[in-house]
All heavy atoms as atom14 arrays in JSON, in Angstrom:
{
  "sequence": "GRPKGALVTHEQMYQRFVSQWVTIGFNSQDRFLGLTPLFFGAGRS",
  "atom14_mask": [
    [1, 1, 1, 1, 0, 0, 0, 0, 0, 0, 0, 0, 0, 0],
    [1, 1, 1, 1, 1, 1, 1, 1, 1, 1, 1, 0, 0, 0],
    [1, 1, 1, 1, 1, 1, 1, 0, 0, 0, 0, 0, 0, 0],
    [1, 1, 1, 1, 1, 1, 1, 1, 1, 0, 0, 0, 0, 0],
    [1, 1, 1, 1, 0, 0, 0, 0, 0, 0, 0, 0, 0, 0],
    [1, 1, 1, 1, 1, 0, 0, 0, 0, 0, 0, 0, 0, 0],
    [1, 1, 1, 1, 1, 1, 1, 1, 0, 0, 0, 0, 0, 0],
    [1, 1, 1, 1, 1, 1, 1, 0, 0, 0, 0, 0, 0, 0],
    [1, 1, 1, 1, 1, 1, 1, 0, 0, 0, 0, 0, 0, 0],
    [1, 1, 1, 1, 1, 1, 1, 1, 1, 1, 0, 0, 0, 0],
    [1, 1, 1, 1, 1, 1, 1, 1, 1, 0, 0, 0, 0, 0],
    [1, 1, 1, 1, 1, 1, 1, 1, 1, 0, 0, 0, 0, 0],
    [1, 1, 1, 1, 1, 1, 1, 1, 0, 0, 0, 0, 0, 0],
    [1, 1, 1, 1, 1, 1, 1, 1, 1, 1, 1, 1, 0, 0],
    [1, 1, 1, 1, 1, 1, 1, 1, 1, 0, 0, 0, 0, 0],
    [1, 1, 1, 1, 1, 1, 1, 1, 1, 1, 1, 0, 0, 0],
    [1, 1, 1, 1, 1, 1, 1, 1, 1, 1, 1, 0, 0, 0],
    [1, 1, 1, 1, 1, 1, 1, 0, 0, 0, 0, 0, 0, 0],
    [1, 1, 1, 1, 1, 1, 0, 0, 0, 0, 0, 0, 0, 0],
    [1, 1, 1, 1, 1, 1, 1, 1, 1, 0, 0, 0, 0, 0],
    [1, 1, 1, 1, 1, 1, 1, 1, 1, 1, 1, 1, 1, 1],
    [1, 1, 1, 1, 1, 1, 1, 0, 0, 0, 0, 0, 0, 0],
    [1, 1, 1, 1, 1, 1, 1, 0, 0, 0, 0, 0, 0, 0],
    [1, 1, 1, 1, 1, 1, 1, 1, 0, 0, 0, 0, 0, 0],
    [1, 1, 1, 1, 0, 0, 0, 0, 0, 0, 0, 0, 0, 0],
    [1, 1, 1, 1, 1, 1, 1, 1, 1, 1, 1, 0, 0, 0],
    [1, 1, 1, 1, 1, 1, 1, 1, 0, 0, 0, 0, 0, 0],
    [1, 1, 1, 1, 1, 1, 0, 0, 0, 0, 0, 0, 0, 0],
    [1, 1, 1, 1, 1, 1, 1, 1, 1, 0, 0, 0, 0, 0],
    [1, 1, 1, 1, 1, 1, 1, 1, 0, 0, 0, 0, 0, 0],
    [1, 1, 1, 1, 1, 1, 1, 1, 1, 1, 1, 0, 0, 0],
    [1, 1, 1, 1, 1, 1, 1, 1, 1, 1, 1, 0, 0, 0],
    [1, 1, 1, 1, 1, 1, 1, 1, 0, 0, 0, 0, 0, 0],
    [1, 1, 1, 1, 0, 0, 0, 0, 0, 0, 0, 0, 0, 0],
    [1, 1, 1, 1, 1, 1, 1, 1, 0, 0, 0, 0, 0, 0],
    [1, 1, 1, 1, 1, 1, 1, 0, 0, 0, 0, 0, 0, 0],
    [1, 1, 1, 1, 1, 1, 1, 0, 0, 0, 0, 0, 0, 0],
    [1, 1, 1, 1, 1, 1, 1, 1, 0, 0, 0, 0, 0, 0],
    [1, 1, 1, 1, 1, 1, 1, 1, 1, 1, 1, 0, 0, 0],
    [1, 1, 1, 1, 1, 1, 1, 1, 1, 1, 1, 0, 0, 0],
    [1, 1, 1, 1, 0, 0, 0, 0, 0, 0, 0, 0, 0, 0],
    [1, 1, 1, 1, 1, 0, 0, 0, 0, 0, 0, 0, 0, 0],
    [1, 1, 1, 1, 0, 0, 0, 0, 0, 0, 0, 0, 0, 0],
    [1, 1, 1, 1, 1, 1, 1, 1, 1, 1, 1, 0, 0, 0],
    [1, 1, 1, 1, 1, 1, 0, 0, 0, 0, 0, 0, 0, 0]
  ],
  "atom14_positions": [
    [[14.88, 20.81, 5.29], [15.38, 20.03, 4.18], [14.27, 19.7, 3.2], [13.13, 20.14, 3.31], [0.0, 0.0, 0.0], [0.0, 0.0, 0.0], [0.0, 0.0, 0.0], [0.0, 0.0, 0.0], [0.0, 0.0, 0.0], [0.0, 0.0, 0.0], [0.0, 0.0, 0.0], [0.0, 0.0, 0.0], [0.0, 0.0, 0.0], [0.0, 0.0, 0.0]],
    [[14.6, 18.91, 2.19], [13.63, 18.55, 1.16], [12.76, 17.39, 1.63], [13.23, 16.47, 2.27], [14.38, 18.19, -0.12], [15.25, 19.33, -0.64], [16.09, 18.87, -1.81], [15.28, 18.57, -2.97], [15.72, 17.88, -4.01], [16.95, 17.41, -4.03], [14.93, 17.66, -5.04], [0.0, 0.0, 0.0], [0.0, 0.0, 0.0], [0.0, 0.0, 0.0]],
    [[11.47, 17.45, 1.33], [10.56, 16.42, 1.85], [10.8, 15.05, 1.23], [11.19, 14.93, 0.08], [9.18, 16.97, 1.47], [9.43, 17.85, 0.29], [10.79, 18.45, 0.52], [0.0, 0.0, 0.0], [0.0, 0.0, 0.0], [0.0, 0.0, 0.0], [0.0, 0.0, 0.0], [0.0, 0.0, 0.0], [0.0, 0.0, 0.0], [0.0, 0.0, 0.0]],
    [[10.53, 14.03, 2.03], [10.55, 12.66, 1.57], [9.59, 11.87, 2.43], [9.23, 12.31, 3.53], [11.97, 12.07, 1.65], [12.61, 12.19, 3.03], [14.05, 11.74, 3.01], [14.7, 11.96, 4.39], [16.11, 11.56, 4.41], [0.0, 0.0, 0.0], [0.0, 0.0, 0.0], [0.0, 0.0, 0.0], [0.0, 0.0, 0.0], [0.0, 0.0, 0.0]],
    [[9.16, 10.72, 1.95], [8.16, 10.01, 2.73], [8.02, 8.56, 2.35], [8.48, 8.11, 1.28], [0.0, 0.0, 0.0], [0.0, 0.0, 0.0], [0.0, 0.0, 0.0], [0.0, 0.0, 0.0], [0.0, 0.0, 0.0], [0.0, 0.0, 0.0], [0.0, 0.0, 0.0], [0.0, 0.0, 0.0], [0.0, 0.0, 0.0], [0.0, 0.0, 0.0]],
    [[7.36, 7.83, 3.25], [7.08, 6.41, 3.04], [5.67, 6.26, 2.52], [4.74, 6.92, 2.98], [7.24, 5.65, 4.35], [0.0, 0.0, 0.0], [0.0, 0.0, 0.0], [0.0, 0.0, 0.0], [0.0, 0.0, 0.0], [0.0, 0.0, 0.0], [0.0, 0.0, 0.0], [0.0, 0.0, 0.0], [0.0, 0.0, 0.0], [0.0, 0.0, 0.0]],
    [[5.48, 5.38, 1.55], [4.17, 5.11, 0.98], [3.57, 3.92, 1.72], [3.99, 2.78, 1.55], [4.3, 4.82, -0.51], [3.0, 4.82, -1.34], [2.31, 6.17, -1.25], [3.31, 4.47, -2.79], [0.0, 0.0, 0.0], [0.0, 0.0, 0.0], [0.0, 0.0, 0.0], [0.0, 0.0, 0.0], [0.0, 0.0, 0.0], [0.0, 0.0, 0.0]],
    [[2.59, 4.21, 2.57], [2.0, 3.2, 3.45], [0.69, 2.7, 2.84], [-0.16, 3.5, 2.42], [1.73, 3.78, 4.86], [1.15, 2.72, 5.79], [3.02, 4.36, 5.44], [0.0, 0.0, 0.0], [0.0, 0.0, 0.0], [0.0, 0.0, 0.0], [0.0, 0.0, 0.0], [0.0, 0.0, 0.0], [0.0, 0.0, 0.0], [0.0, 0.0, 0.0]],
    [[0.52, 1.38, 2.78], [-0.71, 0.81, 2.24], [-1.76, 0.62, 3.34], [-1.48, 0.7, 4.53], [-0.43, -0.56, 1.59], [-0.05, -1.49, 2.62], [0.7, -0.46, 0.56], [0.0, 0.0, 0.0], [0.0, 0.0, 0.0], [0.0, 0.0, 0.0], [0.0, 0.0, 0.0], [0.0, 0.0, 0.0], [0.0, 0.0, 0.0], [0.0, 0.0, 0.0]],
    [[-3.0, 0.34, 2.9], [-4.07, 0.04, 3.85], [-3.68, -1.16, 4.71], [-3.89, -1.15, 5.94], [-5.36, -0.28, 3.09], [-6.05, 0.93, 2.52], [-7.27, 1.35, 2.94], [-5.66, 1.8, 1.56], [-7.64, 2.42, 2.27], [-6.67, 2.72, 1.41], [0.0, 0.0, 0.0], [0.0, 0.0, 0.0], [0.0, 0.0, 0.0], [0.0, 0.0, 0.0]],
    [[-3.15, -2.2, 4.09], [-2.79, -3.41, 4.83], [-1.71, -3.11, 5.86], [-1.77, -3.6, 7.01], [-2.32, -4.49, 3.86], [-1.84, -5.77, 4.52], [-2.92, -6.54, 5.27], [-4.11, -6.36, 4.92], [-2.59, -7.28, 6.2], [0.0, 0.0, 0.0], [0.0, 0.0, 0.0], [0.0, 0.0, 0.0], [0.0, 0.0, 0.0], [0.0, 0.0, 0.0]],
    [[-0.7, -2.34, 5.48], [0.38, -2.0, 6.42], [-0.14, -1.17, 7.59], [0.25, -1.4, 8.75], [1.49, -1.26, 5.69], [2.3, -2.16, 4.76], [3.1, -1.41, 3.72], [2.91, -0.21, 3.51], [3.98, -2.11, 3.03], [0.0, 0.0, 0.0], [0.0, 0.0, 0.0], [0.0, 0.0, 0.0], [0.0, 0.0, 0.0], [0.0, 0.0, 0.0]],
    [[-1.02, -0.22, 7.32], [-1.59, 0.58, 8.41], [-2.44, -0.3, 9.32], [-2.4, -0.17, 10.55], [-2.41, 1.74, 7.85], [-2.94, 2.68, 8.92], [-1.63, 3.54, 9.85], [-1.29, 4.89, 8.72], [0.0, 0.0, 0.0], [0.0, 0.0, 0.0], [0.0, 0.0, 0.0], [0.0, 0.0, 0.0], [0.0, 0.0, 0.0], [0.0, 0.0, 0.0]],
    [[-3.21, -1.2, 8.72], [-4.02, -2.12, 9.52], [-3.13, -2.97, 10.44], [-3.45, -3.18, 11.62], [-4.86, -3.01, 8.63], [-5.62, -4.07, 9.38], [-6.72, -3.72, 10.18], [-5.25, -5.41, 9.34], [-7.42, -4.69, 10.89], [-5.95, -6.38, 10.04], [-7.02, -6.01, 10.82], [-7.7, -6.97, 11.53], [0.0, 0.0, 0.0], [0.0, 0.0, 0.0]],
    [[-2.02, -3.45, 9.91], [-1.1, -4.24, 10.72], [-0.5, -3.43, 11.86], [-0.22, -3.96, 12.94], [0.0, -4.84, 9.84], [-0.47, -5.9, 8.86], [-1.1, -7.1, 9.54], [-0.82, -7.41, 10.71], [-1.98, -7.8, 8.81], [0.0, 0.0, 0.0], [0.0, 0.0, 0.0], [0.0, 0.0, 0.0], [0.0, 0.0, 0.0], [0.0, 0.0, 0.0]],
    [[-0.32, -2.14, 11.65], [0.14, -1.27, 12.75], [-0.93, -1.18, 13.84], [-0.62, -1.18, 15.03], [0.47, 0.13, 12.22], [1.62, 0.14, 11.23], [1.94, 1.56, 10.78], [2.9, 1.56, 9.69], [3.51, 2.62, 9.2], [3.26, 3.81, 9.74], [4.36, 2.54, 8.21], [0.0, 0.0, 0.0], [0.0, 0.0, 0.0], [0.0, 0.0, 0.0]],
    [[-2.19, -1.08, 13.4], [-3.29, -1.06, 14.36], [-3.3, -2.36, 15.18], [-3.43, -2.33, 16.4], [-4.63, -0.91, 13.65], [-4.82, 0.37, 12.91], [-5.89, 0.51, 12.04], [-3.95, 1.45, 13.06], [-6.1, 1.68, 11.34], [-4.15, 2.65, 12.37], [-5.22, 2.75, 11.51], [0.0, 0.0, 0.0], [0.0, 0.0, 0.0], [0.0, 0.0, 0.0]],
    [[-3.17, -3.49, 14.5], [-3.19, -4.79, 15.18], [-2.05, -4.84, 16.19], [-2.22, -5.33, 17.32], [-3.07, -5.94, 14.16], [-2.86, -7.27, 14.87], [-4.32, -6.0, 13.28], [0.0, 0.0, 0.0], [0.0, 0.0, 0.0], [0.0, 0.0, 0.0], [0.0, 0.0, 0.0], [0.0, 0.0, 0.0], [0.0, 0.0, 0.0], [0.0, 0.0, 0.0]],
    [[-0.88, -4.35, 15.8], [0.26, -4.33, 16.72], [-0.06, -3.53, 17.98], [0.28, -3.95, 19.09], [1.48, -3.75, 16.0], [2.56, -3.62, 16.89], [0.0, 0.0, 0.0], [0.0, 0.0, 0.0], [0.0, 0.0, 0.0], [0.0, 0.0, 0.0], [0.0, 0.0, 0.0], [0.0, 0.0, 0.0], [0.0, 0.0, 0.0], [0.0, 0.0, 0.0]],
    [[-0.72, -2.38, 17.82], [-1.1, -1.57, 18.97], [-2.13, -2.28, 19.83], [-2.04, -2.29, 21.07], [-1.63, -0.22, 18.51], [-0.6, 0.67, 17.83], [-1.22, 1.9, 17.18], [-2.4, 2.17, 17.33], [-0.41, 2.64, 16.44], [0.0, 0.0, 0.0], [0.0, 0.0, 0.0], [0.0, 0.0, 0.0], [0.0, 0.0, 0.0], [0.0, 0.0, 0.0]],
    [[-3.11, -2.9, 19.17], [-4.16, -3.6, 19.93], [-3.57, -4.74, 20.74], [-3.92, -4.93, 21.91], [-5.23, -4.13, 18.98], [-5.92, -3.07, 18.18], [-6.02, -1.73, 18.48], [-6.61, -3.24, 16.93], [-6.73, -1.06, 17.51], [-7.1, -1.96, 16.54], [-6.87, -4.33, 16.11], [-7.83, -1.77, 15.36], [-7.58, -4.14, 14.94], [-8.07, -2.87, 14.56]],
    [[-2.68, -5.52, 20.13], [-2.12, -6.69, 20.81], [-1.08, -6.28, 21.85], [-1.1, -6.78, 22.99], [-1.5, -7.66, 19.78], [-0.76, -8.8, 20.49], [-2.57, -8.22, 18.85], [0.0, 0.0, 0.0], [0.0, 0.0, 0.0], [0.0, 0.0, 0.0], [0.0, 0.0, 0.0], [0.0, 0.0, 0.0], [0.0, 0.0, 0.0], [0.0, 0.0, 0.0]],
    [[-0.15, -5.42, 21.48], [0.97, -5.11, 22.35], [0.6, -4.15, 23.47], [1.05, -4.31, 24.61], [2.14, -4.5, 21.54], [2.39, -5.31, 20.39], [3.41, -4.43, 22.38], [0.0, 0.0, 0.0], [0.0, 0.0, 0.0], [0.0, 0.0, 0.0], [0.0, 0.0, 0.0], [0.0, 0.0, 0.0], [0.0, 0.0, 0.0], [0.0, 0.0, 0.0]],
    [[-0.21, -3.14, 23.16], [-0.56, -2.13, 24.17], [-1.9, -2.43, 24.82], [-2.13, -2.09, 25.98], [-0.56, -0.73, 23.54], [0.78, -0.44, 22.86], [-0.82, 0.35, 24.6], [0.85, 0.88, 22.12], [0.0, 0.0, 0.0], [0.0, 0.0, 0.0], [0.0, 0.0, 0.0], [0.0, 0.0, 0.0], [0.0, 0.0, 0.0], [0.0, 0.0, 0.0]],
    [[-2.78, -3.05, 24.07], [-4.07, -3.43, 24.65], [-5.21, -2.47, 24.36], [-6.21, -2.45, 25.11], [0.0, 0.0, 0.0], [0.0, 0.0, 0.0], [0.0, 0.0, 0.0], [0.0, 0.0, 0.0], [0.0, 0.0, 0.0], [0.0, 0.0, 0.0], [0.0, 0.0, 0.0], [0.0, 0.0, 0.0], [0.0, 0.0, 0.0], [0.0, 0.0, 0.0]],
    [[-5.13, -1.69, 23.3], [-6.25, -0.84, 22.92], [-7.46, -1.72, 22.58], [-7.32, -2.79, 22.01], [-5.92, 0.0, 21.68], [-4.77, 0.95, 21.87], [-4.1, 1.46, 20.76], [-4.37, 1.37, 23.12], [-3.05, 2.35, 20.91], [-3.32, 2.26, 23.28], [-2.66, 2.75, 22.16], [0.0, 0.0, 0.0], [0.0, 0.0, 0.0], [0.0, 0.0, 0.0]],
    [[-8.67, -1.23, 22.92], [-9.87, -2.01, 22.59], [-11.08, -1.09, 22.43], [-10.99, 0.12, 22.62], [-10.14, -3.08, 23.66], [-10.39, -2.46, 25.03], [-11.41, -1.82, 25.25], [-9.45, -2.65, 25.96], [0.0, 0.0, 0.0], [0.0, 0.0, 0.0], [0.0, 0.0, 0.0], [0.0, 0.0, 0.0], [0.0, 0.0, 0.0], [0.0, 0.0, 0.0]],
    [[-12.22, -1.69, 22.1], [-13.42, -0.92, 21.78], [-14.02, -0.19, 22.97], [-14.85, 0.71, 22.8], [-14.48, -1.86, 21.17], [-14.85, -2.86, 22.11], [0.0, 0.0, 0.0], [0.0, 0.0, 0.0], [0.0, 0.0, 0.0], [0.0, 0.0, 0.0], [0.0, 0.0, 0.0], [0.0, 0.0, 0.0], [0.0, 0.0, 0.0], [0.0, 0.0, 0.0]],
    [[-13.61, -0.55, 24.19], [-14.15, 0.11, 25.38], [-13.37, 1.37, 25.76], [-13.76, 2.09, 26.68], [-14.14, -0.88, 26.57], [-14.9, -2.16, 26.32], [-16.31, -1.91, 25.86], [-17.06, -1.16, 26.51], [-16.7, -2.51, 24.74], [0.0, 0.0, 0.0], [0.0, 0.0, 0.0], [0.0, 0.0, 0.0], [0.0, 0.0, 0.0], [0.0, 0.0, 0.0]],
    [[-12.28, 1.63, 25.06], [-11.44, 2.77, 25.4], [-12.06, 4.09, 24.96], [-12.85, 4.15, 24.01], [-10.06, 2.64, 24.74], [-9.13, 1.73, 25.5], [-9.14, 1.76, 26.74], [-8.39, 0.96, 24.85], [0.0, 0.0, 0.0], [0.0, 0.0, 0.0], [0.0, 0.0, 0.0], [0.0, 0.0, 0.0], [0.0, 0.0, 0.0], [0.0, 0.0, 0.0]],
    [[-11.65, 5.13, 25.68], [-11.91, 6.52, 25.29], [-10.55, 7.19, 25.15], [-9.87, 7.44, 26.15], [-12.76, 7.23, 26.34], [-14.21, 6.75, 26.39], [-14.98, 7.4, 27.54], [-14.94, 8.85, 27.51], [-15.74, 9.62, 26.77], [-16.65, 9.07, 25.95], [-15.64, 10.94, 26.81], [0.0, 0.0, 0.0], [0.0, 0.0, 0.0], [0.0, 0.0, 0.0]],
    [[-10.15, 7.43, 23.9], [-8.83, 7.99, 23.63], [-8.92, 9.5, 23.45], [-9.71, 10.01, 22.65], [-8.24, 7.37, 22.37], [-6.96, 8.04, 21.93], [-5.78, 7.85, 22.64], [-6.94, 8.9, 20.83], [-4.6, 8.47, 22.25], [-5.77, 9.52, 20.42], [-4.6, 9.33, 21.14], [0.0, 0.0, 0.0], [0.0, 0.0, 0.0], [0.0, 0.0, 0.0]],
    [[-8.09, 10.21, 24.22], [-8.04, 11.67, 24.11], [-6.84, 12.07, 23.26], [-5.69, 11.85, 23.63], [-7.92, 12.29, 25.51], [-7.79, 13.82, 25.55], [-9.0, 14.49, 24.9], [-7.64, 14.3, 26.99], [0.0, 0.0, 0.0], [0.0, 0.0, 0.0], [0.0, 0.0, 0.0], [0.0, 0.0, 0.0], [0.0, 0.0, 0.0], [0.0, 0.0, 0.0]],
    [[-7.13, 12.66, 22.09], [-6.08, 13.11, 21.18], [-5.69, 14.54, 21.48], [-6.48, 15.46, 21.25], [0.0, 0.0, 0.0], [0.0, 0.0, 0.0], [0.0, 0.0, 0.0], [0.0, 0.0, 0.0], [0.0, 0.0, 0.0], [0.0, 0.0, 0.0], [0.0, 0.0, 0.0], [0.0, 0.0, 0.0], [0.0, 0.0, 0.0], [0.0, 0.0, 0.0]],
    [[-4.47, 14.71, 21.97], [-3.98, 16.03, 22.38], [-2.86, 16.53, 21.47], [-2.3, 17.61, 21.72], [-3.46, 15.98, 23.82], [-4.51, 15.65, 24.89], [-3.85, 15.22, 26.19], [-5.41, 16.87, 25.13], [0.0, 0.0, 0.0], [0.0, 0.0, 0.0], [0.0, 0.0, 0.0], [0.0, 0.0, 0.0], [0.0, 0.0, 0.0], [0.0, 0.0, 0.0]],
    [[-2.52, 15.76, 20.44], [-1.43, 16.13, 19.54], [-1.98, 16.28, 18.12], [-3.02, 15.71, 17.79], [-0.31, 15.06, 19.54], [-0.89, 13.78, 19.25], [0.36, 14.99, 20.9], [0.0, 0.0, 0.0], [0.0, 0.0, 0.0], [0.0, 0.0, 0.0], [0.0, 0.0, 0.0], [0.0, 0.0, 0.0], [0.0, 0.0, 0.0], [0.0, 0.0, 0.0]],
    [[-1.32, 17.06, 17.27], [-1.84, 17.33, 15.93], [-2.01, 16.05, 15.1], [-1.21, 15.14, 15.16], [-0.78, 18.24, 15.31], [-0.11, 18.9, 16.47], [-0.1, 17.85, 17.56], [0.0, 0.0, 0.0], [0.0, 0.0, 0.0], [0.0, 0.0, 0.0], [0.0, 0.0, 0.0], [0.0, 0.0, 0.0], [0.0, 0.0, 0.0], [0.0, 0.0, 0.0]],
    [[-3.08, 16.03, 14.3], [-3.32, 14.9, 13.41], [-2.3, 14.85, 12.27], [-2.15, 13.81, 11.62], [-4.74, 14.99, 12.82], [-5.88, 14.77, 13.8], [-7.22, 15.16, 13.17], [-5.91, 13.34, 14.3], [0.0, 0.0, 0.0], [0.0, 0.0, 0.0], [0.0, 0.0, 0.0], [0.0, 0.0, 0.0], [0.0, 0.0, 0.0], [0.0, 0.0, 0.0]],
    [[-1.61, 15.96, 12.03], [-0.56, 15.96, 11.01], [0.57, 15.0, 11.37], [1.17, 14.36, 10.51], [0.0, 17.38, 10.85], [1.36, 17.43, 10.2], [1.49, 17.21, 8.84], [2.5, 17.66, 10.94], [2.74, 17.22, 8.22], [3.75, 17.69, 10.35], [3.86, 17.47, 8.98], [0.0, 0.0, 0.0], [0.0, 0.0, 0.0], [0.0, 0.0, 0.0]],
    [[0.86, 14.87, 12.67], [1.97, 14.03, 13.11], [1.56, 12.57, 13.19], [0.4, 12.23, 13.43], [2.51, 14.51, 14.46], [3.11, 15.87, 14.39], [2.47, 16.96, 14.95], [4.31, 16.09, 13.73], [3.01, 18.22, 14.87], [4.86, 17.34, 13.64], [4.22, 18.42, 14.21], [0.0, 0.0, 0.0], [0.0, 0.0, 0.0], [0.0, 0.0, 0.0]],
    [[2.56, 11.69, 13.0], [2.3, 10.26, 12.9], [1.53, 9.69, 14.07], [0.59, 8.91, 13.87], [0.0, 0.0, 0.0], [0.0, 0.0, 0.0], [0.0, 0.0, 0.0], [0.0, 0.0, 0.0], [0.0, 0.0, 0.0], [0.0, 0.0, 0.0], [0.0, 0.0, 0.0], [0.0, 0.0, 0.0], [0.0, 0.0, 0.0], [0.0, 0.0, 0.0]],
    [[1.92, 10.04, 15.29], [1.26, 9.47, 16.47], [-0.19, 9.92, 16.56], [-1.09, 9.12, 16.79], [2.03, 9.84, 17.73], [0.0, 0.0, 0.0], [0.0, 0.0, 0.0], [0.0, 0.0, 0.0], [0.0, 0.0, 0.0], [0.0, 0.0, 0.0], [0.0, 0.0, 0.0], [0.0, 0.0, 0.0], [0.0, 0.0, 0.0], [0.0, 0.0, 0.0]],
    [[-0.44, 11.23, 16.4], [-1.8, 11.73, 16.49], [-2.71, 11.1, 15.44], [-3.85, 10.7, 15.72], [0.0, 0.0, 0.0], [0.0, 0.0, 0.0], [0.0, 0.0, 0.0], [0.0, 0.0, 0.0], [0.0, 0.0, 0.0], [0.0, 0.0, 0.0], [0.0, 0.0, 0.0], [0.0, 0.0, 0.0], [0.0, 0.0, 0.0], [0.0, 0.0, 0.0]],
    [[-2.2, 11.0, 14.22], [-2.96, 10.41, 13.12], [-3.19, 8.91, 13.34], [-4.3, 8.4, 13.23], [-2.24, 10.65, 11.81], [-2.88, 10.01, 10.59], [-2.12, 10.38, 9.34], [-0.72, 9.93, 9.37], [0.33, 10.73, 9.43], [0.17, 12.03, 9.52], [1.57, 10.26, 9.44], [0.0, 0.0, 0.0], [0.0, 0.0, 0.0], [0.0, 0.0, 0.0]],
    [[-2.1, 8.19, 13.65], [-2.17, 6.74, 13.79], [-3.09, 6.33, 14.94], [-3.95, 5.45, 14.79], [-0.77, 6.17, 14.0], [-0.83, 4.77, 14.26], [0.0, 0.0, 0.0], [0.0, 0.0, 0.0], [0.0, 0.0, 0.0], [0.0, 0.0, 0.0], [0.0, 0.0, 0.0], [0.0, 0.0, 0.0], [0.0, 0.0, 0.0], [0.0, 0.0, 0.0]]
  ]
}
């Protein structure tokens, strides 16, 4: 189909990070292995 998308701001992306840090518990001691493409939302985020 025809492309469409959401315009995400720096503040909104930062708030998504905070949500992950608080809810899931990501922190500076982690070693995250990215196995999915950076094109996709999860890999990029």
